[in-house]
Amino acid sequence: NLTYWNNQEYYGFGVGASGYIDNIRYDNTKSLNQYFNGKYVSDEQR
């Protein structure tokens, strides 16, 4: 949790997960169907 609070980068794997990589914050889809079809990320922002 200190990784989050120190604003450090981290992977987010799985449906509904969020991550922060290479100055991009992203949210994975919350849809199982989309996730199963390989459409992992629903939103990202550099």
ModelCIF file with pLDDT and N, C-alpha, C, O atoms, coordinates in Angstrom:
data_MODEL
#
_entry.id   MODEL 
#
_entity.id                         1 
_entity.type                       polymer 
_entity.pdbx_number_of_molecules   1 
#
_entity_poly.entity_id                      1 
_entity_poly.type                           'polypeptide(L)' 
_entity_poly.nstd_linkage                   no 
_entity_poly.nstd_monomer                   no 
_entity_poly.pdbx_seq_one_letter_code       NLTYWNNQEYYGFGVGASGYIDNIRYDNTKSLNQYFNGKYVSDEQR 
_entity_poly.pdbx_seq_one_letter_code_can   NLTYWNNQEYYGFGVGASGYIDNIRYDNTKSLNQYFNGKYVSDEQR 
_entity_poly.pdbx_strand_id                 A 
#
loop_
_entity_poly_seq.entity_id 
_entity_poly_seq.num 
_entity_poly_seq.mon_id 
_entity_poly_seq.hetero 
1 1  ASN n 
1 2  LEU n 
1 3  THR n 
1 4  TYR n 
1 5  TRP n 
1 6  ASN n 
1 7  ASN n 
1 8  GLN n 
1 9  GLU n 
1 10 TYR n 
1 11 TYR n 
1 12 GLY n 
1 13 PHE n 
1 14 GLY n 
1 15 VAL n 
1 16 GLY n 
1 17 ALA n 
1 18 SER n 
1 19 GLY n 
1 20 TYR n 
1 21 ILE n 
1 22 ASP n 
1 23 ASN n 
1 24 ILE n 
1 25 ARG n 
1 26 TYR n 
1 27 ASP n 
1 28 ASN n 
1 29 THR n 
1 30 LYS n 
1 31 SER n 
1 32 LEU n 
1 33 ASN n 
1 34 GLN n 
1 35 TYR n 
1 36 PHE n 
1 37 ASN n 
1 38 GLY n 
1 39 LYS n 
1 40 TYR n 
1 41 VAL n 
1 42 SER n 
1 43 ASP n 
1 44 GLU n 
1 45 GLN n 
1 46 ARG n 
#
_struct_asym.id          A 
_struct_asym.entity_id   1 
#
loop_
_ma_qa_metric.id 
_ma_qa_metric.mode 
_ma_qa_metric.name 
_ma_qa_metric.software_group_id 
_ma_qa_metric.type 
1 global pLDDT . pLDDT 
2 local  pLDDT . pLDDT 
#
_ma_qa_metric_global.metric_id      1 
_ma_qa_metric_global.metric_value   96.83 
_ma_qa_metric_global.model_id       1 
_ma_qa_metric_global.ordinal_id     1 
#
loop_
_ma_qa_metric_local.label_asym_id 
_ma_qa_metric_local.label_comp_id 
_ma_qa_metric_local.label_seq_id 
_ma_qa_metric_local.metric_id 
_ma_qa_metric_local.metric_value 
_ma_qa_metric_local.model_id 
_ma_qa_metric_local.ordinal_id 
A ASN 1  2 97.00 1 1  
A LEU 2  2 97.00 1 2  
A THR 3  2 98.00 1 3  
A TYR 4  2 97.00 1 4  
A TRP 5  2 97.00 1 5  
A ASN 6  2 97.00 1 6  
A ASN 7  2 97.00 1 7  
A GLN 8  2 97.00 1 8  
A GLU 9  2 97.00 1 9  
A TYR 10 2 98.00 1 10 
A TYR 11 2 98.00 1 11 
A GLY 12 2 98.00 1 12 
A PHE 13 2 98.00 1 13 
A GLY 14 2 98.00 1 14 
A VAL 15 2 97.00 1 15 
A GLY 16 2 96.00 1 16 
A ALA 17 2 97.00 1 17 
A SER 18 2 97.00 1 18 
A GLY 19 2 98.00 1 19 
A TYR 20 2 98.00 1 20 
A ILE 21 2 97.00 1 21 
A ASP 22 2 95.00 1 22 
A ASN 23 2 95.00 1 23 
A ILE 24 2 97.00 1 24 
A ARG 25 2 98.00 1 25 
A TYR 26 2 98.00 1 26 
A ASP 27 2 97.00 1 27 
A ASN 28 2 98.00 1 28 
A THR 29 2 97.00 1 29 
A LYS 30 2 95.00 1 30 
A SER 31 2 96.00 1 31 
A LEU 32 2 95.00 1 32 
A ASN 33 2 95.00 1 33 
A GLN 34 2 97.00 1 34 
A TYR 35 2 97.00 1 35 
A PHE 36 2 96.00 1 36 
A ASN 37 2 96.00 1 37 
A GLY 38 2 96.00 1 38 
A LYS 39 2 96.00 1 39 
A TYR 40 2 97.00 1 40 
A VAL 41 2 97.00 1 41 
A SER 42 2 96.00 1 42 
A ASP 43 2 96.00 1 43 
A GLU 44 2 96.00 1 44 
A GLN 45 2 97.00 1 45 
A ARG 46 2 97.00 1 46 
#
loop_
_atom_site.group_PDB 
_atom_site.id 
_atom_site.type_symbol 
_atom_site.label_atom_id 
_atom_site.label_alt_id 
_atom_site.label_comp_id 
_atom_site.label_asym_id 
_atom_site.label_entity_id 
_atom_site.label_seq_id 
_atom_site.pdbx_PDB_ins_code 
_atom_site.Cartn_x 
_atom_site.Cartn_y 
_atom_site.Cartn_z 
_atom_site.occupancy 
_atom_site.B_iso_or_equiv 
_atom_site.pdbx_formal_charge 
_atom_site.auth_seq_id 
_atom_site.auth_comp_id 
_atom_site.auth_asym_id 
_atom_site.auth_atom_id 
_atom_site.pdbx_PDB_model_num 
ATOM 1   N N  . ASN A 1 1  ? 0.816   -1.206  0.000   1.00 97.00 ? 1  ASN A N  1 
ATOM 2   C CA . ASN A 1 1  ? 0.000   0.000   0.000   1.00 97.00 ? 1  ASN A CA 1 
ATOM 3   C C  . ASN A 1 1  ? 0.855   1.264   0.000   1.00 97.00 ? 1  ASN A C  1 
ATOM 4   O O  . ASN A 1 1  ? 0.438   2.296   -0.525  1.00 97.00 ? 1  ASN A O  1 
ATOM 5   N N  . LEU A 1 2  ? 2.045   1.186   0.586   1.00 97.00 ? 2  LEU A N  1 
ATOM 6   C CA . LEU A 1 2  ? 2.951   2.327   0.529   1.00 97.00 ? 2  LEU A CA 1 
ATOM 7   C C  . LEU A 1 2  ? 3.410   2.599   -0.898  1.00 97.00 ? 2  LEU A C  1 
ATOM 8   O O  . LEU A 1 2  ? 3.770   3.730   -1.225  1.00 97.00 ? 2  LEU A O  1 
ATOM 9   N N  . THR A 1 3  ? 3.401   1.578   -1.750  1.00 98.00 ? 3  THR A N  1 
ATOM 10  C CA . THR A 1 3  ? 3.670   1.793   -3.172  1.00 98.00 ? 3  THR A CA 1 
ATOM 11  C C  . THR A 1 3  ? 2.663   2.784   -3.750  1.00 98.00 ? 3  THR A C  1 
ATOM 12  O O  . THR A 1 3  ? 3.033   3.691   -4.496  1.00 98.00 ? 3  THR A O  1 
ATOM 13  N N  . TYR A 1 4  ? 1.388   2.604   -3.401  1.00 97.00 ? 4  TYR A N  1 
ATOM 14  C CA . TYR A 1 4  ? 0.357   3.533   -3.884  1.00 97.00 ? 4  TYR A CA 1 
ATOM 15  C C  . TYR A 1 4  ? 0.576   4.927   -3.304  1.00 97.00 ? 4  TYR A C  1 
ATOM 16  O O  . TYR A 1 4  ? 0.601   5.916   -4.036  1.00 97.00 ? 4  TYR A O  1 
ATOM 17  N N  . TRP A 1 5  ? 0.733   4.995   -1.993  1.00 97.00 ? 5  TRP A N  1 
ATOM 18  C CA . TRP A 1 5  ? 0.812   6.291   -1.315  1.00 97.00 ? 5  TRP A CA 1 
ATOM 19  C C  . TRP A 1 5  ? 2.102   7.036   -1.648  1.00 97.00 ? 5  TRP A C  1 
ATOM 20  O O  . TRP A 1 5  ? 2.147   8.263   -1.551  1.00 97.00 ? 5  TRP A O  1 
ATOM 21  N N  . ASN A 1 6  ? 3.150   6.312   -2.038  1.00 97.00 ? 6  ASN A N  1 
ATOM 22  C CA . ASN A 1 6  ? 4.385   6.955   -2.474  1.00 97.00 ? 6  ASN A CA 1 
ATOM 23  C C  . ASN A 1 6  ? 4.362   7.282   -3.970  1.00 97.00 ? 6  ASN A C  1 
ATOM 24  O O  . ASN A 1 6  ? 5.360   7.734   -4.532  1.00 97.00 ? 6  ASN A O  1 
ATOM 25  N N  . ASN A 1 7  ? 3.207   7.048   -4.605  1.00 97.00 ? 7  ASN A N  1 
ATOM 26  C CA . ASN A 1 7  ? 3.014   7.387   -6.014  1.00 97.00 ? 7  ASN A CA 1 
ATOM 27  C C  . ASN A 1 7  ? 4.030   6.672   -6.913  1.00 97.00 ? 7  ASN A C  1 
ATOM 28  O O  . ASN A 1 7  ? 4.556   7.248   -7.865  1.00 97.00 ? 7  ASN A O  1 
ATOM 29  N N  . GLN A 1 8  ? 4.291   5.399   -6.584  1.00 97.00 ? 8  GLN A N  1 
ATOM 30  C CA . GLN A 1 8  ? 5.201   4.592   -7.380  1.00 97.00 ? 8  GLN A CA 1 
ATOM 31  C C  . GLN A 1 8  ? 4.405   3.731   -8.360  1.00 97.00 ? 8  GLN A C  1 
ATOM 32  O O  . GLN A 1 8  ? 3.205   3.521   -8.185  1.00 97.00 ? 8  GLN A O  1 
ATOM 33  N N  . GLU A 1 9  ? 5.082   3.240   -9.383  1.00 97.00 ? 9  GLU A N  1 
ATOM 34  C CA . GLU A 1 9  ? 4.397   2.485   -10.428 1.00 97.00 ? 9  GLU A CA 1 
ATOM 35  C C  . GLU A 1 9  ? 4.158   1.033   -10.007 1.00 97.00 ? 9  GLU A C  1 
ATOM 36  O O  . GLU A 1 9  ? 4.906   0.467   -9.209  1.00 97.00 ? 9  GLU A O  1 
ATOM 37  N N  . TYR A 1 10 ? 3.094   0.445   -10.568 1.00 98.00 ? 10 TYR A N  1 
ATOM 38  C CA . TYR A 1 10 ? 2.738   -0.933  -10.214 1.00 98.00 ? 10 TYR A CA 1 
ATOM 39  C C  . TYR A 1 10 ? 1.879   -1.523  -11.327 1.00 98.00 ? 10 TYR A C  1 
ATOM 40  O O  . TYR A 1 10 ? 1.190   -0.805  -12.051 1.00 98.00 ? 10 TYR A O  1 
ATOM 41  N N  . TYR A 1 11 ? 1.936   -2.829  -11.444 1.00 98.00 ? 11 TYR A N  1 
ATOM 42  C CA . TYR A 1 11 ? 1.063   -3.547  -12.360 1.00 98.00 ? 11 TYR A CA 1 
ATOM 43  C C  . TYR A 1 11 ? -0.309  -3.752  -11.718 1.00 98.00 ? 11 TYR A C  1 
ATOM 44  O O  . TYR A 1 11 ? -0.421  -3.917  -10.504 1.00 98.00 ? 11 TYR A O  1 
ATOM 45  N N  . GLY A 1 12 ? -1.349  -3.739  -12.552 1.00 98.00 ? 12 GLY A N  1 
ATOM 46  C CA . GLY A 1 12 ? -2.671  -4.173  -12.131 1.00 98.00 ? 12 GLY A CA 1 
ATOM 47  C C  . GLY A 1 12 ? -3.142  -5.246  -13.091 1.00 98.00 ? 12 GLY A C  1 
ATOM 48  O O  . GLY A 1 12 ? -3.382  -4.969  -14.266 1.00 98.00 ? 12 GLY A O  1 
ATOM 49  N N  . PHE A 1 13 ? -3.275  -6.464  -12.605 1.00 98.00 ? 13 PHE A N  1 
ATOM 50  C CA . PHE A 1 13 ? -3.697  -7.591  -13.440 1.00 98.00 ? 13 PHE A CA 1 
ATOM 51  C C  . PHE A 1 13 ? -5.083  -8.060  -13.010 1.00 98.00 ? 13 PHE A C  1 
ATOM 52  O O  . PHE A 1 13 ? -5.388  -8.103  -11.818 1.00 98.00 ? 13 PHE A O  1 
ATOM 53  N N  . GLY A 1 14 ? -5.919  -8.409  -13.985 1.00 98.00 ? 14 GLY A N  1 
ATOM 54  C CA . GLY A 1 14 ? -7.230  -8.967  -13.668 1.00 98.00 ? 14 GLY A CA 1 
ATOM 55  C C  . GLY A 1 14 ? -8.349  -7.987  -13.950 1.00 98.00 ? 14 GLY A C  1 
ATOM 56  O O  . GLY A 1 14 ? -8.120  -6.782  -14.060 1.00 98.00 ? 14 GLY A O  1 
ATOM 57  N N  . VAL A 1 15 ? -9.565  -8.510  -14.069 1.00 97.00 ? 15 VAL A N  1 
ATOM 58  C CA . VAL A 1 15 ? -10.738 -7.685  -14.347 1.00 97.00 ? 15 VAL A CA 1 
ATOM 59  C C  . VAL A 1 15 ? -10.927 -6.671  -13.217 1.00 97.00 ? 15 VAL A C  1 
ATOM 60  O O  . VAL A 1 15 ? -10.864 -7.028  -12.041 1.00 97.00 ? 15 VAL A O  1 
ATOM 61  N N  . GLY A 1 16 ? -11.159 -5.413  -13.576 1.00 96.00 ? 16 GLY A N  1 
ATOM 62  C CA . GLY A 1 16 ? -11.390 -4.378  -12.570 1.00 96.00 ? 16 GLY A CA 1 
ATOM 63  C C  . GLY A 1 16 ? -10.149 -3.839  -11.900 1.00 96.00 ? 16 GLY A C  1 
ATOM 64  O O  . GLY A 1 16 ? -10.249 -2.929  -11.077 1.00 96.00 ? 16 GLY A O  1 
ATOM 65  N N  . ALA A 1 17 ? -8.969  -4.371  -12.223 1.00 97.00 ? 17 ALA A N  1 
ATOM 66  C CA . ALA A 1 17 ? -7.732  -3.903  -11.601 1.00 97.00 ? 17 ALA A CA 1 
ATOM 67  C C  . ALA A 1 17 ? -7.304  -2.568  -12.210 1.00 97.00 ? 17 ALA A C  1 
ATOM 68  O O  . ALA A 1 17 ? -7.676  -2.234  -13.335 1.00 97.00 ? 17 ALA A O  1 
ATOM 69  N N  . SER A 1 18 ? -6.516  -1.815  -11.444 1.00 97.00 ? 18 SER A N  1 
ATOM 70  C CA . SER A 1 18 ? -5.917  -0.582  -11.944 1.00 97.00 ? 18 SER A CA 1 
ATOM 71  C C  . SER A 1 18 ? -4.409  -0.691  -11.843 1.00 97.00 ? 18 SER A C  1 
ATOM 72  O O  . SER A 1 18 ? -3.890  -1.412  -10.991 1.00 97.00 ? 18 SER A O  1 
ATOM 73  N N  . GLY A 1 19 ? -3.704  0.020   -12.709 1.00 98.00 ? 19 GLY A N  1 
ATOM 74  C CA . GLY A 1 19 ? -2.252  0.003   -12.686 1.00 98.00 ? 19 GLY A CA 1 
ATOM 75  C C  . GLY A 1 19 ? -1.676  1.360   -13.042 1.00 98.00 ? 19 GLY A C  1 
ATOM 76  O O  . GLY A 1 19 ? -2.395  2.279   -13.436 1.00 98.00 ? 19 GLY A O  1 
ATOM 77  N N  . TYR A 1 20 ? -0.358  1.465   -12.895 1.00 98.00 ? 20 TYR A N  1 
ATOM 78  C CA . TYR A 1 20 ? 0.350   2.724   -13.169 1.00 98.00 ? 20 TYR A CA 1 
ATOM 79  C C  . TYR A 1 20 ? 1.726   2.362   -13.700 1.00 98.00 ? 20 TYR A C  1 
ATOM 80  O O  . TYR A 1 20 ? 2.617   1.995   -12.934 1.00 98.00 ? 20 TYR A O  1 
ATOM 81  N N  . ILE A 1 21 ? 1.900   2.467   -15.021 1.00 97.00 ? 21 ILE A N  1 
ATOM 82  C CA . ILE A 1 21 ? 3.129   2.042   -15.684 1.00 97.00 ? 21 ILE A CA 1 
ATOM 83  C C  . ILE A 1 21 ? 3.561   3.118   -16.676 1.00 97.00 ? 21 ILE A C  1 
ATOM 84  O O  . ILE A 1 21 ? 2.746   3.618   -17.451 1.00 97.00 ? 21 ILE A O  1 
ATOM 85  N N  . ASP A 1 22 ? 4.865   3.477   -16.649 1.00 95.00 ? 22 ASP A N  1 
ATOM 86  C CA . ASP A 1 22 ? 5.418   4.435   -17.618 1.00 95.00 ? 22 ASP A CA 1 
ATOM 87  C C  . ASP A 1 22 ? 4.592   5.716   -17.679 1.00 95.00 ? 22 ASP A C  1 
ATOM 88  O O  . ASP A 1 22 ? 4.306   6.234   -18.759 1.00 95.00 ? 22 ASP A O  1 
ATOM 89  N N  . ASN A 1 23 ? 4.215   6.218   -16.505 1.00 95.00 ? 23 ASN A N  1 
ATOM 90  C CA . ASN A 1 23 ? 3.417   7.446   -16.371 1.00 95.00 ? 23 ASN A CA 1 
ATOM 91  C C  . ASN A 1 23 ? 2.021   7.325   -16.972 1.00 95.00 ? 23 ASN A C  1 
ATOM 92  O O  . ASN A 1 23 ? 1.373   8.338   -17.235 1.00 95.00 ? 23 ASN A O  1 
ATOM 93  N N  . ILE A 1 24 ? 1.553   6.108   -17.192 1.00 97.00 ? 24 ILE A N  1 
ATOM 94  C CA . ILE A 1 24 ? 0.186   5.885   -17.666 1.00 97.00 ? 24 ILE A CA 1 
ATOM 95  C C  . ILE A 1 24 ? -0.617  5.201   -16.559 1.00 97.00 ? 24 ILE A C  1 
ATOM 96  O O  . ILE A 1 24 ? -0.255  4.122   -16.090 1.00 97.00 ? 24 ILE A O  1 
ATOM 97  N N  . ARG A 1 25 ? -1.707  5.844   -16.152 1.00 98.00 ? 25 ARG A N  1 
ATOM 98  C CA . ARG A 1 25 ? -2.641  5.200   -15.228 1.00 98.00 ? 25 ARG A CA 1 
ATOM 99  C C  . ARG A 1 25 ? -3.735  4.532   -16.056 1.00 98.00 ? 25 ARG A C  1 
ATOM 100 O O  . ARG A 1 25 ? -4.301  5.141   -16.964 1.00 98.00 ? 25 ARG A O  1 
ATOM 101 N N  . TYR A 1 26 ? -4.025  3.261   -15.729 1.00 98.00 ? 26 TYR A N  1 
ATOM 102 C CA . TYR A 1 26 ? -5.025  2.541   -16.519 1.00 98.00 ? 26 TYR A CA 1 
ATOM 103 C C  . TYR A 1 26 ? -5.965  1.761   -15.615 1.00 98.00 ? 26 TYR A C  1 
ATOM 104 O O  . TYR A 1 26 ? -5.614  1.366   -14.503 1.00 98.00 ? 26 TYR A O  1 
ATOM 105 N N  . ASP A 1 27 ? -7.176  1.551   -16.134 1.00 97.00 ? 27 ASP A N  1 
ATOM 106 C CA . ASP A 1 27 ? -8.183  0.738   -15.465 1.00 97.00 ? 27 ASP A CA 1 
ATOM 107 C C  . ASP A 1 27 ? -8.553  -0.405  -16.389 1.00 97.00 ? 27 ASP A C  1 
ATOM 108 O O  . ASP A 1 27 ? -8.851  -0.188  -17.564 1.00 97.00 ? 27 ASP A O  1 
ATOM 109 N N  . ASN A 1 28 ? -8.537  -1.611  -15.869 1.00 98.00 ? 28 ASN A N  1 
ATOM 110 C CA . ASN A 1 28 ? -8.997  -2.759  -16.646 1.00 98.00 ? 28 ASN A CA 1 
ATOM 111 C C  . ASN A 1 28 ? -10.518 -2.795  -16.703 1.00 98.00 ? 28 ASN A C  1 
ATOM 112 O O  . ASN A 1 28 ? -11.201 -2.251  -15.836 1.00 98.00 ? 28 ASN A O  1 
ATOM 113 N N  . THR A 1 29 ? -11.026 -3.437  -17.725 1.00 97.00 ? 29 THR A N  1 
ATOM 114 C CA . THR A 1 29 ? -12.464 -3.598  -17.879 1.00 97.00 ? 29 THR A CA 1 
ATOM 115 C C  . THR A 1 29 ? -13.071 -4.332  -16.681 1.00 97.00 ? 29 THR A C  1 
ATOM 116 O O  . THR A 1 29 ? -12.419 -5.165  -16.051 1.00 97.00 ? 29 THR A O  1 
ATOM 117 N N  . LYS A 1 30 ? -14.330 -4.007  -16.381 1.00 95.00 ? 30 LYS A N  1 
ATOM 118 C CA . LYS A 1 30 ? -15.072 -4.724  -15.347 1.00 95.00 ? 30 LYS A CA 1 
ATOM 119 C C  . LYS A 1 30 ? -15.993 -5.783  -15.958 1.00 95.00 ? 30 LYS A C  1 
ATOM 120 O O  . LYS A 1 30 ? -16.765 -6.429  -15.249 1.00 95.00 ? 30 LYS A O  1 
ATOM 121 N N  . SER A 1 31 ? -15.904 -5.949  -17.267 1.00 96.00 ? 31 SER A N  1 
ATOM 122 C CA . SER A 1 31 ? -16.725 -6.929  -17.981 1.00 96.00 ? 31 SER A CA 1 
ATOM 123 C C  . SER A 1 31 ? -15.944 -8.227  -18.161 1.00 96.00 ? 31 SER A C  1 
ATOM 124 O O  . SER A 1 31 ? -14.864 -8.231  -18.752 1.00 96.00 ? 31 SER A O  1 
ATOM 125 N N  . LEU A 1 32 ? -16.492 -9.327  -17.651 1.00 95.00 ? 32 LEU A N  1 
ATOM 126 C CA . LEU A 1 32 ? -15.824 -10.619 -17.847 1.00 95.00 ? 32 LEU A CA 1 
ATOM 127 C C  . LEU A 1 32 ? -15.748 -10.981 -19.328 1.00 95.00 ? 32 LEU A C  1 
ATOM 128 O O  . LEU A 1 32 ? -14.735 -11.510 -19.787 1.00 95.00 ? 32 LEU A O  1 
ATOM 129 N N  . ASN A 1 33 ? -16.810 -10.700 -20.074 1.00 95.00 ? 33 ASN A N  1 
ATOM 130 C CA . ASN A 1 33 ? -16.806 -11.030 -21.500 1.00 95.00 ? 33 ASN A CA 1 
ATOM 131 C C  . ASN A 1 33 ? -15.690 -10.307 -22.241 1.00 95.00 ? 33 ASN A C  1 
ATOM 132 O O  . ASN A 1 33 ? -14.962 -10.918 -23.023 1.00 95.00 ? 33 ASN A O  1 
ATOM 133 N N  . GLN A 1 34 ? -15.554 -9.012  -21.997 1.00 97.00 ? 34 GLN A N  1 
ATOM 134 C CA . GLN A 1 34 ? -14.479 -8.262  -22.640 1.00 97.00 ? 34 GLN A CA 1 
ATOM 135 C C  . GLN A 1 34 ? -13.113 -8.791  -22.199 1.00 97.00 ? 34 GLN A C  1 
ATOM 136 O O  . GLN A 1 34 ? -12.194 -8.925  -23.007 1.00 97.00 ? 34 GLN A O  1 
ATOM 137 N N  . TYR A 1 35 ? -13.000 -9.086  -20.915 1.00 97.00 ? 35 TYR A N  1 
ATOM 138 C CA . TYR A 1 35 ? -11.720 -9.585  -20.390 1.00 97.00 ? 35 TYR A CA 1 
ATOM 139 C C  . TYR A 1 35 ? -11.370 -10.920 -21.043 1.00 97.00 ? 35 TYR A C  1 
ATOM 140 O O  . TYR A 1 35 ? -10.235 -11.124 -21.475 1.00 97.00 ? 35 TYR A O  1 
ATOM 141 N N  . PHE A 1 36 ? -12.350 -11.835 -21.117 1.00 96.00 ? 36 PHE A N  1 
ATOM 142 C CA . PHE A 1 36 ? -12.104 -13.141 -21.736 1.00 96.00 ? 36 PHE A CA 1 
ATOM 143 C C  . PHE A 1 36 ? -11.715 -13.003 -23.210 1.00 96.00 ? 36 PHE A C  1 
ATOM 144 O O  . PHE A 1 36 ? -11.023 -13.863 -23.754 1.00 96.00 ? 36 PHE A O  1 
ATOM 145 N N  . ASN A 1 37 ? -12.159 -11.920 -23.856 1.00 96.00 ? 37 ASN A N  1 
ATOM 146 C CA . ASN A 1 37 ? -11.844 -11.690 -25.270 1.00 96.00 ? 37 ASN A CA 1 
ATOM 147 C C  . ASN A 1 37 ? -10.543 -10.898 -25.450 1.00 96.00 ? 37 ASN A C  1 
ATOM 148 O O  . ASN A 1 37 ? -10.225 -10.457 -26.554 1.00 96.00 ? 37 ASN A O  1 
ATOM 149 N N  . GLY A 1 38 ? -9.795  -10.724 -24.353 1.00 96.00 ? 38 GLY A N  1 
ATOM 150 C CA . GLY A 1 38 ? -8.491  -10.078 -24.453 1.00 96.00 ? 38 GLY A CA 1 
ATOM 151 C C  . GLY A 1 38 ? -8.524  -8.569  -24.485 1.00 96.00 ? 38 GLY A C  1 
ATOM 152 O O  . GLY A 1 38 ? -7.500  -7.929  -24.727 1.00 96.00 ? 38 GLY A O  1 
ATOM 153 N N  . LYS A 1 39 ? -9.711  -7.981  -24.238 1.00 96.00 ? 39 LYS A N  1 
ATOM 154 C CA . LYS A 1 39 ? -9.817  -6.520  -24.188 1.00 96.00 ? 39 LYS A CA 1 
ATOM 155 C C  . LYS A 1 39 ? -9.637  -6.095  -22.730 1.00 96.00 ? 39 LYS A C  1 
ATOM 156 O O  . LYS A 1 39 ? -10.602 -5.751  -22.048 1.00 96.00 ? 39 LYS A O  1 
ATOM 157 N N  . TYR A 1 40 ? -8.392  -6.126  -22.269 1.00 97.00 ? 40 TYR A N  1 
ATOM 158 C CA . TYR A 1 40 ? -8.102  -5.976  -20.843 1.00 97.00 ? 40 TYR A CA 1 
ATOM 159 C C  . TYR A 1 40 ? -8.366  -4.553  -20.332 1.00 97.00 ? 40 TYR A C  1 
ATOM 160 O O  . TYR A 1 40 ? -9.027  -4.361  -19.311 1.00 97.00 ? 40 TYR A O  1 
ATOM 161 N N  . VAL A 1 41 ? -7.846  -3.573  -21.050 1.00 97.00 ? 41 VAL A N  1 
ATOM 162 C CA . VAL A 1 41 ? -7.869  -2.194  -20.543 1.00 97.00 ? 41 VAL A CA 1 
ATOM 163 C C  . VAL A 1 41 ? -9.100  -1.455  -21.073 1.00 97.00 ? 41 VAL A C  1 
ATOM 164 O O  . VAL A 1 41 ? -9.383  -1.482  -22.270 1.00 97.00 ? 41 VAL A O  1 
ATOM 165 N N  . SER A 1 42 ? -9.826  -0.796  -20.165 1.00 96.00 ? 42 SER A N  1 
ATOM 166 C CA . SER A 1 42 ? -11.005 -0.024  -20.581 1.00 96.00 ? 42 SER A CA 1 
ATOM 167 C C  . SER A 1 42 ? -10.694 1.459   -20.664 1.00 96.00 ? 42 SER A C  1 
ATOM 168 O O  . SER A 1 42 ? -11.363 2.194   -21.390 1.00 96.00 ? 42 SER A O  1 
ATOM 169 N N  . ASP A 1 43 ? -9.673  1.911   -19.917 1.00 96.00 ? 43 ASP A N  1 
ATOM 170 C CA . ASP A 1 43 ? -9.385  3.341   -19.879 1.00 96.00 ? 43 ASP A CA 1 
ATOM 171 C C  . ASP A 1 43 ? -7.927  3.544   -19.480 1.00 96.00 ? 43 ASP A C  1 
ATOM 172 O O  . ASP A 1 43 ? -7.414  2.855   -18.599 1.00 96.00 ? 43 ASP A O  1 
ATOM 173 N N  . GLU A 1 44 ? -7.268  4.492   -20.133 1.00 96.00 ? 44 GLU A N  1 
ATOM 174 C CA . GLU A 1 44 ? -5.903  4.824   -19.734 1.00 96.00 ? 44 GLU A CA 1 
ATOM 175 C C  . GLU A 1 44 ? -5.635  6.297   -19.979 1.00 96.00 ? 44 GLU A C  1 
ATOM 176 O O  . GLU A 1 44 ? -6.224  6.921   -20.861 1.00 96.00 ? 44 GLU A O  1 
ATOM 177 N N  . GLN A 1 45 ? -4.721  6.841   -19.165 1.00 97.00 ? 45 GLN A N  1 
ATOM 178 C CA . GLN A 1 45 ? -4.398  8.264   -19.265 1.00 97.00 ? 45 GLN A CA 1 
ATOM 179 C C  . GLN A 1 45 ? -2.912  8.458   -19.023 1.00 97.00 ? 45 GLN A C  1 
ATOM 180 O O  . GLN A 1 45 ? -2.382  8.057   -17.987 1.00 97.00 ? 45 GLN A O  1 
ATOM 181 N N  . ARG A 1 46 ? -2.242  9.079   -19.993 1.00 97.00 ? 46 ARG A N  1 
ATOM 182 C CA . ARG A 1 46 ? -0.830  9.429   -19.806 1.00 97.00 ? 46 ARG A CA 1 
ATOM 183 C C  . ARG A 1 46 ? -0.762  10.718  -18.996 1.00 97.00 ? 46 ARG A C  1 
ATOM 184 O O  . ARG A 1 46 ? 0.329   11.211  -18.711 1.00 97.00 ? 46 ARG A O  1 
#
